[in-house]
Protein backbone atom coordinates (compact mmCIF):
# COMPACT_ATOMS: atom_id res chain seq x y z
CA MET A 1 142.51 75.69 75.09
CA ALA A 2 144.50 77.16 77.93
CA GLY A 3 143.92 80.83 78.56
CA GLU A 4 140.52 80.89 76.95
CA THR A 5 137.50 81.93 79.02
CA LEU A 6 134.14 80.29 78.63
CA GLU A 7 131.35 82.72 77.87
CA PRO A 8 127.97 82.00 79.51
CA THR A 9 125.52 80.38 77.18
CA GLN A 10 122.40 82.36 76.31
CA THR A 11 119.01 80.79 75.89
CA ASP A 12 116.28 81.96 73.58
CA GLU A 13 113.56 81.54 76.24
CA PRO A 14 111.88 84.87 77.08
CA THR A 15 111.88 86.02 80.68
CA ILE A 16 109.13 88.01 82.33
CA PRO A 17 110.38 91.33 83.70
CA TRP A 18 108.61 91.02 87.04
CA HIS A 19 110.45 94.03 88.46
CA ARG A 20 108.88 96.28 85.83
CA LEU A 21 105.28 95.31 86.59
CA PRO A 22 103.19 97.53 88.92
CA VAL A 23 102.36 94.52 91.13
CA SER A 24 104.49 91.78 92.60
CA LYS A 25 104.79 88.26 91.22
CA GLU A 26 103.13 86.84 94.33
CA THR A 27 100.12 89.08 93.84
CA LEU A 28 99.65 88.05 90.23
CA VAL A 29 100.00 84.37 91.14
CA GLY A 30 97.40 84.83 93.87
CA TYR A 31 94.91 86.48 91.50
CA ALA A 32 95.53 83.78 88.88
CA SER A 33 94.82 81.09 91.46
CA VAL A 34 91.56 82.68 92.61
CA LEU A 35 90.29 83.71 89.18
CA PRO A 36 89.07 80.22 88.07
CA VAL A 37 87.09 79.86 91.29
CA LEU A 38 85.51 83.26 90.83
CA ILE A 39 84.61 82.43 87.19
CA LEU A 40 83.07 79.11 88.23
CA TYR A 41 81.16 80.79 91.08
CA PHE A 42 79.78 83.36 88.67
CA ILE A 43 78.69 80.67 86.21
CA ILE A 44 76.90 78.42 88.79
CA ALA A 45 75.65 81.08 91.26
CA ILE A 46 75.79 84.77 90.34
CA GLY A 47 74.75 84.25 86.70
CA PRO A 48 71.57 82.22 87.41
CA VAL A 49 70.58 84.55 90.24
CA ALA A 50 70.98 87.60 88.01
CA TYR A 51 68.95 85.82 85.32
CA ALA A 52 66.15 85.06 87.79
CA VAL A 53 66.06 88.64 89.09
CA ASN A 54 65.89 89.95 85.55
CA ALA A 55 63.04 87.51 84.71
CA SER A 56 61.14 88.66 87.80
CA PHE A 57 60.77 92.12 86.23
CA HIS A 58 59.24 90.71 83.02
CA GLU A 59 56.06 89.01 81.95
CA VAL A 60 57.38 85.63 80.90
CA PHE A 61 55.08 82.76 79.94
CA LEU A 62 56.48 79.31 79.15
CA LEU A 63 54.79 79.05 75.74
CA ASN A 64 55.69 82.58 74.72
CA PRO A 65 59.40 83.27 74.08
CA GLU A 66 58.86 87.04 74.18
CA TRP A 67 59.73 88.87 77.40
CA GLU A 68 57.64 91.96 78.17
CA TRP A 69 58.82 94.47 80.75
CA ALA A 70 56.54 94.48 83.80
CA GLY A 71 58.52 96.43 86.35
CA LEU A 72 57.28 95.68 89.88
CA ALA A 73 53.97 94.27 88.71
CA ASN A 74 55.04 90.70 89.48
CA TYR A 75 56.04 91.64 93.00
CA TYR A 76 52.72 93.37 93.61
CA GLU A 77 50.98 90.24 92.35
CA VAL A 78 53.03 88.01 94.67
CA PHE A 79 51.72 89.78 97.75
CA GLU A 80 48.19 89.73 96.38
CA LEU A 81 48.18 85.96 95.84
CA GLU A 82 45.71 84.22 98.12
CA THR A 83 48.12 81.31 98.53
CA PHE A 84 51.24 83.33 99.27
CA TRP A 85 50.85 84.03 102.98
CA GLY A 86 49.53 80.56 103.73
CA SER A 87 52.49 79.01 101.90
CA LEU A 88 54.87 81.28 103.79
CA TRP A 89 53.33 80.27 107.11
CA ARG A 90 53.48 76.55 106.27
CA GLY A 91 57.13 76.96 105.23
CA ILE A 92 57.93 78.56 108.55
CA ILE A 93 56.17 75.72 110.40
CA TYR A 94 58.10 73.13 108.38
CA MET A 95 61.39 75.01 108.92
CA VAL A 96 61.01 75.56 112.66
CA GLY A 97 59.58 72.12 113.41
CA SER A 98 62.23 70.30 111.38
CA THR A 99 65.11 72.38 112.73
CA LEU A 100 64.13 72.04 116.39
CA ILE A 101 63.67 68.27 116.21
CA GLN A 102 66.87 67.91 114.20
CA LEU A 103 68.69 69.92 116.85
CA GLY A 104 67.44 67.66 119.66
CA VAL A 105 68.10 64.40 117.80
CA GLY A 106 71.42 65.48 116.33
CA LEU A 107 72.78 66.81 119.61
CA TRP A 108 71.68 63.64 121.47
CA LEU A 109 73.41 61.45 118.89
CA ALA A 110 76.60 63.48 119.13
CA LEU A 111 76.68 63.26 122.92
CA ALA A 112 75.99 59.50 122.80
CA LEU A 113 78.65 58.79 120.15
CA ASN A 114 81.17 60.88 122.03
CA LYS A 115 80.70 58.73 125.19
CA ILE A 116 81.02 55.38 123.49
CA ALA A 117 84.35 53.75 124.24
CA ARG A 118 84.27 50.66 121.98
CA GLY A 119 83.24 50.61 118.34
CA GLN A 120 82.92 54.41 118.21
CA LYS A 121 84.23 54.73 114.66
CA PHE A 122 81.98 51.94 113.37
CA LEU A 123 78.84 53.36 115.03
CA THR A 124 79.71 56.86 113.84
CA ALA A 125 80.02 55.59 110.28
CA VAL A 126 76.63 53.80 110.55
CA VAL A 127 74.94 56.94 111.86
CA PHE A 128 76.48 59.13 109.15
CA THR A 129 75.30 56.71 106.45
CA ALA A 130 71.81 58.19 106.82
CA TYR A 131 73.13 61.50 105.52
CA LEU A 132 74.63 59.78 102.46
CA ILE A 133 71.35 58.28 101.28
CA PRO A 134 70.01 60.31 98.31
CA THR A 135 67.04 62.41 99.39
CA ILE A 136 64.90 61.17 96.53
CA VAL A 137 65.49 57.52 97.54
CA LEU A 138 64.55 58.33 101.14
CA ALA A 139 61.40 60.12 100.02
CA PHE A 140 60.24 57.18 97.89
CA ALA A 141 61.01 54.73 100.69
CA ALA A 142 59.07 56.82 103.20
CA GLY A 143 56.18 57.03 100.76
CA TYR A 144 56.00 53.24 100.54
CA MET A 145 56.16 52.94 104.33
CA PHE A 146 53.13 55.19 104.71
CA THR A 147 51.14 53.55 101.91
CA PRO A 148 48.72 50.76 102.98
CA ASN A 149 47.99 47.45 101.31
CA ILE A 150 51.24 47.12 99.39
CA GLY A 151 53.16 44.92 101.89
CA LEU A 152 55.67 47.70 102.68
CA GLY A 153 53.45 50.09 104.61
CA VAL A 154 54.95 49.19 107.97
CA LEU A 155 54.71 52.66 109.43
CA GLN A 156 51.15 53.02 108.20
CA SER A 157 50.18 49.77 109.90
CA LEU A 158 52.10 50.61 113.07
CA GLY A 159 50.36 53.97 113.46
CA SER A 160 46.99 52.29 112.90
CA ASP A 161 47.77 49.58 115.50
CA ILE A 162 48.68 52.07 118.22
CA GLY A 163 45.71 54.30 117.45
CA LEU A 164 47.35 57.32 115.82
CA TRP A 165 44.97 57.02 112.88
CA ALA A 166 42.12 54.74 111.97
CA GLY A 167 42.19 52.11 109.26
CA ASN A 168 44.47 51.57 106.30
CA THR A 169 42.35 53.07 103.54
CA ALA A 170 44.76 55.79 102.37
CA PRO A 171 48.34 56.87 103.00
CA MET A 172 48.73 59.19 105.98
CA THR A 173 50.57 61.60 103.71
CA PHE A 174 47.10 62.25 102.23
CA SER A 175 45.78 63.38 105.63
CA GLN A 176 45.26 67.08 106.36
CA THR A 177 46.24 66.38 110.00
CA TRP A 178 49.27 64.14 109.53
CA ALA A 179 50.86 65.22 106.26
CA MET A 180 52.98 68.06 107.68
CA PRO A 181 54.11 66.25 110.88
CA LEU A 182 55.13 63.21 108.83
CA LEU A 183 57.14 65.41 106.44
CA ILE A 184 58.92 66.93 109.44
CA LEU A 185 59.75 63.50 110.84
CA VAL A 186 61.06 62.22 107.49
CA GLY A 187 63.23 65.34 107.10
CA THR A 188 64.52 64.93 110.65
CA TRP A 189 65.58 61.31 110.04
CA LYS A 190 67.56 62.38 106.99
CA PHE A 191 69.07 65.68 108.09
CA GLY A 192 69.40 65.37 111.87
CA VAL A 193 72.87 63.89 111.29
CA PHE A 194 73.95 67.30 109.96
CA ILE A 195 73.76 68.64 113.51
CA THR A 196 75.56 65.51 114.79
CA ILE A 197 78.52 66.12 112.42
CA PHE A 198 79.00 69.68 113.65
CA ALA A 199 78.53 68.93 117.37
CA LEU A 200 80.61 65.71 117.42
CA ALA A 201 83.61 67.42 115.82
CA GLN A 202 83.52 70.11 118.48
CA LEU A 203 82.92 67.67 121.33
CA ARG A 204 86.01 65.65 120.40
CA ALA A 205 88.09 68.87 120.52
CA ILE A 206 87.28 69.44 124.23
CA PRO A 207 90.29 68.29 126.36
CA ASP A 208 89.54 65.48 128.82
CA ARG A 209 91.39 67.36 131.55
CA PHE A 210 88.52 69.83 131.79
CA TYR A 211 86.12 67.07 132.84
CA GLU A 212 88.70 65.45 135.12
CA ALA A 213 89.20 68.73 136.93
CA ALA A 214 85.46 69.22 137.25
CA GLN A 215 85.05 65.73 138.74
CA ILE A 216 87.74 66.45 141.28
CA CYS A 217 85.80 69.58 142.26
CA GLY A 218 82.68 67.47 142.76
CA ALA A 219 80.68 68.56 139.67
CA ASN A 220 77.98 66.19 138.43
CA ARG A 221 77.20 65.41 134.78
CA LEU A 222 74.58 68.13 134.44
CA GLN A 223 76.95 70.77 135.81
CA MET A 224 79.76 69.61 133.53
CA PHE A 225 77.47 69.80 130.53
CA ARG A 226 76.30 73.26 131.51
CA ASP A 227 79.73 74.73 132.35
CA ILE A 228 82.08 72.86 129.99
CA THR A 229 80.29 71.14 127.11
CA LEU A 230 77.56 73.62 126.21
CA PRO A 231 79.76 76.76 126.07
CA ARG A 232 82.19 74.97 123.76
CA ILE A 233 79.65 73.63 121.32
CA GLN A 234 77.29 76.63 121.40
CA GLY A 235 78.98 78.41 118.51
CA VAL A 236 78.91 75.50 116.02
CA ILE A 237 75.35 74.65 117.10
CA LEU A 238 74.21 78.19 116.26
CA VAL A 239 75.86 78.00 112.85
CA ALA A 240 74.37 74.56 112.14
CA VAL A 241 70.89 75.72 113.19
CA LEU A 242 71.13 78.72 110.83
CA LEU A 243 72.18 76.51 107.91
CA ARG A 244 69.52 73.88 108.61
CA SER A 245 66.83 76.57 108.86
CA ILE A 246 67.77 77.94 105.45
CA PHE A 247 67.93 74.49 103.87
CA MET A 248 64.60 73.33 105.31
CA PHE A 249 62.82 76.55 104.31
CA ASN A 250 64.01 75.95 100.74
CA LYS A 251 63.30 72.18 100.81
CA PHE A 252 61.42 70.96 97.77
CA ASP A 253 62.23 67.32 96.90
CA ILE A 254 60.91 65.56 100.00
CA ILE A 255 57.66 67.56 99.99
CA TRP A 256 57.06 67.13 96.28
CA VAL A 257 57.72 63.39 96.20
CA LEU A 258 55.63 62.58 99.30
CA THR A 259 52.69 65.00 99.00
CA GLN A 260 53.17 67.36 96.00
CA GLY A 261 51.96 70.11 98.32
CA GLY A 262 48.77 68.31 99.27
CA PRO A 263 46.35 67.23 100.38
CA GLY A 264 44.77 70.42 99.19
CA SER A 265 47.40 72.97 100.19
CA ALA A 266 48.29 71.44 103.59
CA THR A 267 51.98 71.09 102.69
CA THR A 268 52.33 73.77 100.01
CA THR A 269 55.34 75.88 100.97
CA LEU A 270 56.85 78.71 98.97
CA PRO A 271 59.20 76.48 96.88
CA ILE A 272 56.21 74.30 95.95
CA LEU A 273 54.13 77.40 95.15
CA ALA A 274 56.89 78.80 92.94
CA TYR A 275 57.21 75.51 91.07
CA GLU A 276 53.47 75.26 90.48
CA THR A 277 53.33 78.88 89.38
CA ALA A 278 56.06 78.31 86.81
CA PHE A 279 55.24 74.85 85.43
CA THR A 280 51.51 74.48 86.14
CA GLY A 281 50.38 78.07 85.78
CA GLY A 282 53.00 78.79 83.12
CA ASN A 283 53.89 82.20 84.60
CA TYR A 284 57.69 82.08 84.71
CA GLY A 285 58.10 85.76 85.56
CA LEU A 286 55.81 85.56 88.57
CA ALA A 287 57.56 82.38 89.74
CA ASN A 288 60.92 84.16 89.70
CA ALA A 289 59.43 87.05 91.64
CA LEU A 290 58.32 84.50 94.26
CA ALA A 291 61.87 83.13 94.37
CA VAL A 292 63.35 86.63 94.88
CA VAL A 293 60.84 87.33 97.68
CA MET A 294 61.89 84.06 99.32
CA PHE A 295 65.51 85.16 99.11
CA LEU A 296 64.69 88.51 100.69
CA PHE A 297 62.84 86.84 103.56
CA LEU A 298 65.76 84.47 104.16
CA GLY A 299 68.28 87.34 103.94
CA ILE A 300 66.37 89.45 106.47
CA GLY A 301 65.99 86.42 108.76
CA ALA A 302 69.71 85.58 108.53
CA VAL A 303 70.72 89.16 109.36
CA ALA A 304 68.35 89.21 112.33
CA TYR A 305 69.72 85.85 113.50
CA PHE A 306 73.30 87.12 113.37
CA ILE A 307 72.37 90.28 115.27
CA LEU A 308 70.57 88.30 118.02
CA PHE A 309 73.02 85.40 118.44
CA ASN A 310 76.22 86.36 116.59
CA PRO A 311 77.27 82.76 115.90
CA SER A 312 80.56 83.74 114.29
CA GLU A 313 81.74 85.32 117.53
CA GLU A 314 80.61 82.28 119.50
CA VAL A 315 82.73 80.01 117.24
CA GLU A 316 85.80 82.15 117.75
CA THR A 317 85.54 82.35 121.51
CA SER A 318 84.61 78.72 122.10
CA THR A 319 87.53 77.11 120.26
């Protein structure tokens, strides 16, 4: 009716008194957004690592559910193992050899793809397909290629024909001389594209006007690569090399499928040694101590790498 005023309707929905809380609404929303990620990270990373570290201080055998406290005894035993230092050295050889060849192949592919004018996207997709192939499938395929007398041993026959090895009596992955080099080559074919992905992304971010100005000044291709290309991809290359070194040092699947650490111990690296210690020797505590020692070696190596090359600074200054 006329003259009456409408009173505001009240709802029964509770409101949160944000102004009374000791932190702002934005802060709480931020913490709530990050919390699921932190919980998931703890479940899949921190939790298993803590479990492994705890197991490394106990005597744990696979057929005995009882854990007995051993203190540092497992760590003393790790350094007393006759196979430890040899496995460490072979792991370093595999890591360095694989990473260096991957760096050369990956950088060459990136430079080549960056220069292609027609069909660049298609060729890039073809090259990147190698990285999408499951590692276990690649390892089995490589094993067949190096196995004679099965109709698929094309690489075995090719190496025999050009005189790299004699005869087709046994797979070359069974050779003390060739097992490790072949593992390095197989790993390079699979993971060299990792370097290509990093380098190509950075190459395509370099403005064309830099090269045009250099050409006007009379610079040749080598000078342009030295003064323009290399400084701008150096940072991402250093990061990629660090990641590839860590991954290759920890590589297990390719080595196990192709050689299982053999022949003898020619390709036994620390991951293979830890696996055999746990599931062949049955000493789960000692195997976890090996894993922790591996982590410490990698951590010290990564810190030394950052001190020497400082890849994070290179990335910032080269973009």
